[in-house]
Amino acid sequence: MSKKDDRTLERLFSHPMPMNLEWNEVKHMLEKLGASVETTHHSHTKITIGNETKTFKTFHKMLEDKHEVKELQHLLEAAGLAPSA
């Protein structure tokens, strides 16, 4: 991963929870981590990392919903990809 991807991952897990993550940066980071990111025919975003899969409402420009940020954190943690403390 690039330094920019590392910073995006760190920001995703930062406290307080970030409310201004750009979706394109998060998507790029996820793909560099080996995730499959696809848009379903129901206009949802399906993210698969290893054996872990989660479907979200389609993200547009920003990742702003606290619940979805938390769900994305859980997905990365379950896949063993959370940043070390």
C-alpha atoms as a PDB file:
ATOM      1  CA  MET A   1       0.000   0.000   0.000  1.00  0.00           C
ATOM      2  CA  SER A   2       1.051   3.563  -0.562  1.00  0.00           C
ATOM      3  CA  LYS A   3       1.543   6.080   2.233  1.00  0.00           C
ATOM      4  CA  LYS A   4      -1.750   7.694   1.184  1.00  0.00           C
ATOM      5  CA  ASP A   5      -3.531   4.334   1.623  1.00  0.00           C
ATOM      6  CA  ASP A   6      -1.866   3.895   5.026  1.00  0.00           C
ATOM      7  CA  ARG A   7      -3.107   7.348   6.079  1.00  0.00           C
ATOM      8  CA  THR A   8      -6.624   6.530   4.844  1.00  0.00           C
ATOM      9  CA  LEU A   9      -6.648   3.324   6.914  1.00  0.00           C
ATOM     10  CA  GLU A  10      -5.376   5.183   9.978  1.00  0.00           C
ATOM     11  CA  ARG A  11      -8.000   7.914   9.519  1.00  0.00           C
ATOM     12  CA  LEU A  12     -10.754   5.316   9.140  1.00  0.00           C
ATOM     13  CA  PHE A  13      -9.904   3.981  12.611  1.00  0.00           C
ATOM     14  CA  SER A  14      -9.105   7.336  14.236  1.00  0.00           C
ATOM     15  CA  HIS A  15     -10.896   8.788  17.247  1.00  0.00           C
ATOM     16  CA  PRO A  16     -13.107  10.711  17.056  1.00  0.00           C
ATOM     17  CA  MET A  17     -14.689   8.815  14.197  1.00  0.00           C
ATOM     18  CA  PRO A  18     -14.006  10.595  10.887  1.00  0.00           C
ATOM     19  CA  MET A  19     -16.981  12.027   9.067  1.00  0.00           C
ATOM     20  CA  ASN A  20     -15.258  13.310   5.953  1.00  0.00           C
ATOM     21  CA  LEU A  21     -13.555  10.359   4.273  1.00  0.00           C
ATOM     22  CA  GLU A  22     -13.547  10.524   0.494  1.00  0.00           C
ATOM     23  CA  TRP A  23     -15.083   7.367  -0.931  1.00  0.00           C
ATOM     24  CA  ASN A  24     -12.604   7.155  -3.834  1.00  0.00           C
ATOM     25  CA  GLU A  25      -9.685   7.136  -1.385  1.00  0.00           C
ATOM     26  CA  VAL A  26     -11.347   4.471   0.784  1.00  0.00           C
ATOM     27  CA  LYS A  27     -12.173   2.349  -2.286  1.00  0.00           C
ATOM     28  CA  HIS A  28      -8.587   2.595  -3.557  1.00  0.00           C
ATOM     29  CA  MET A  29      -7.267   1.565  -0.135  1.00  0.00           C
ATOM     30  CA  LEU A  30      -9.675  -1.387   0.047  1.00  0.00           C
ATOM     31  CA  GLU A  31      -8.618  -2.605  -3.399  1.00  0.00           C
ATOM     32  CA  LYS A  32      -4.929  -2.348  -2.419  1.00  0.00           C
ATOM     33  CA  LEU A  33      -5.762  -4.484   0.635  1.00  0.00           C
ATOM     34  CA  GLY A  34      -7.135  -7.124  -1.752  1.00  0.00           C
ATOM     35  CA  ALA A  35     -10.827  -6.332  -1.377  1.00  0.00           C
ATOM     36  CA  SER A  36     -13.372  -6.754  -4.123  1.00  0.00           C
ATOM     37  CA  VAL A  37     -15.535  -3.613  -4.361  1.00  0.00           C
ATOM     38  CA  GLU A  38     -18.542  -3.832  -6.658  1.00  0.00           C
ATOM     39  CA  THR A  39     -21.828  -2.053  -7.219  1.00  0.00           C
ATOM     40  CA  THR A  40     -24.831  -4.372  -7.202  1.00  0.00           C
ATOM     41  CA  HIS A  41     -27.886  -4.047  -9.408  1.00  0.00           C
ATOM     42  CA  HIS A  42     -29.726  -2.639  -6.372  1.00  0.00           C
ATOM     43  CA  SER A  43     -27.325   0.324  -6.246  1.00  0.00           C
ATOM     44  CA  HIS A  44     -25.499  -0.982  -3.219  1.00  0.00           C
ATOM     45  CA  THR A  45     -21.762  -1.390  -2.730  1.00  0.00           C
ATOM     46  CA  LYS A  46     -20.633  -4.940  -1.924  1.00  0.00           C
ATOM     47  CA  ILE A  47     -17.207  -5.234  -0.299  1.00  0.00           C
ATOM     48  CA  THR A  48     -15.540  -8.628   0.049  1.00  0.00           C
ATOM     49  CA  ILE A  49     -12.225  -9.158   1.839  1.00  0.00           C
ATOM     50  CA  GLY A  50     -11.197 -12.790   2.120  1.00  0.00           C
ATOM     51  CA  ASN A  51     -14.192 -14.627   3.585  1.00  0.00           C
ATOM     52  CA  GLU A  52     -15.789 -11.436   4.902  1.00  0.00           C
ATOM     53  CA  THR A  53     -18.502  -9.649   2.884  1.00  0.00           C
ATOM     54  CA  LYS A  54     -20.621  -6.618   3.706  1.00  0.00           C
ATOM     55  CA  THR A  55     -23.102  -4.688   1.595  1.00  0.00           C
ATOM     56  CA  PHE A  56     -23.580  -0.948   2.064  1.00  0.00           C
ATOM     57  CA  LYS A  57     -25.811   1.624   0.446  1.00  0.00           C
ATOM     58  CA  THR A  58     -23.938   3.082  -2.492  1.00  0.00           C
ATOM     59  CA  PHE A  59     -21.356   5.641  -1.470  1.00  0.00           C
ATOM     60  CA  HIS A  60     -21.100   8.758  -3.541  1.00  0.00           C
ATOM     61  CA  LYS A  61     -18.408  11.334  -2.837  1.00  0.00           C
ATOM     62  CA  MET A  62     -17.958  11.051   0.929  1.00  0.00           C
ATOM     63  CA  LEU A  63     -18.249   8.410   3.618  1.00  0.00           C
ATOM     64  CA  GLU A  64     -20.247  10.355   6.201  1.00  0.00           C
ATOM     65  CA  ASP A  65     -22.559   7.933   8.019  1.00  0.00           C
ATOM     66  CA  LYS A  66     -21.201   6.904  11.459  1.00  0.00           C
ATOM     67  CA  HIS A  67     -22.938   3.536  11.310  1.00  0.00           C
ATOM     68  CA  GLU A  68     -21.382   2.714   7.935  1.00  0.00           C
ATOM     69  CA  VAL A  69     -17.910   3.834   9.052  1.00  0.00           C
ATOM     70  CA  LYS A  70     -18.282   1.530  12.079  1.00  0.00           C
ATOM     71  CA  GLU A  71     -19.463  -1.367   9.879  1.00  0.00           C
ATOM     72  CA  LEU A  72     -16.479  -0.855   7.578  1.00  0.00           C
ATOM     73  CA  GLN A  73     -14.181  -0.866  10.626  1.00  0.00           C
ATOM     74  CA  HIS A  74     -15.733  -4.168  11.765  1.00  0.00           C
ATOM     75  CA  LEU A  75     -15.291  -5.675   8.290  1.00  0.00           C
ATOM     76  CA  LEU A  76     -11.609  -4.743   8.229  1.00  0.00           C
ATOM     77  CA  GLU A  77     -11.105  -6.000  11.796  1.00  0.00           C
ATOM     78  CA  ALA A  78     -12.779  -9.330  10.958  1.00  0.00           C
ATOM     79  CA  ALA A  79     -10.447  -9.677   7.978  1.00  0.00           C
ATOM     80  CA  GLY A  80      -7.441  -8.934  10.217  1.00  0.00           C
ATOM     81  CA  LEU A  81      -6.691  -5.634   8.488  1.00  0.00           C
ATOM     82  CA  ALA A  82      -7.167  -3.116  11.279  1.00  0.00           C
ATOM     83  CA  PRO A  83      -4.096  -0.949  11.881  1.00  0.00           C
ATOM     84  CA  SER A  84      -1.945  -1.923  14.837  1.00  0.00           C
ATOM     85  CA  ALA A  85      -2.348   0.305  17.875  1.00  0.00           C
END
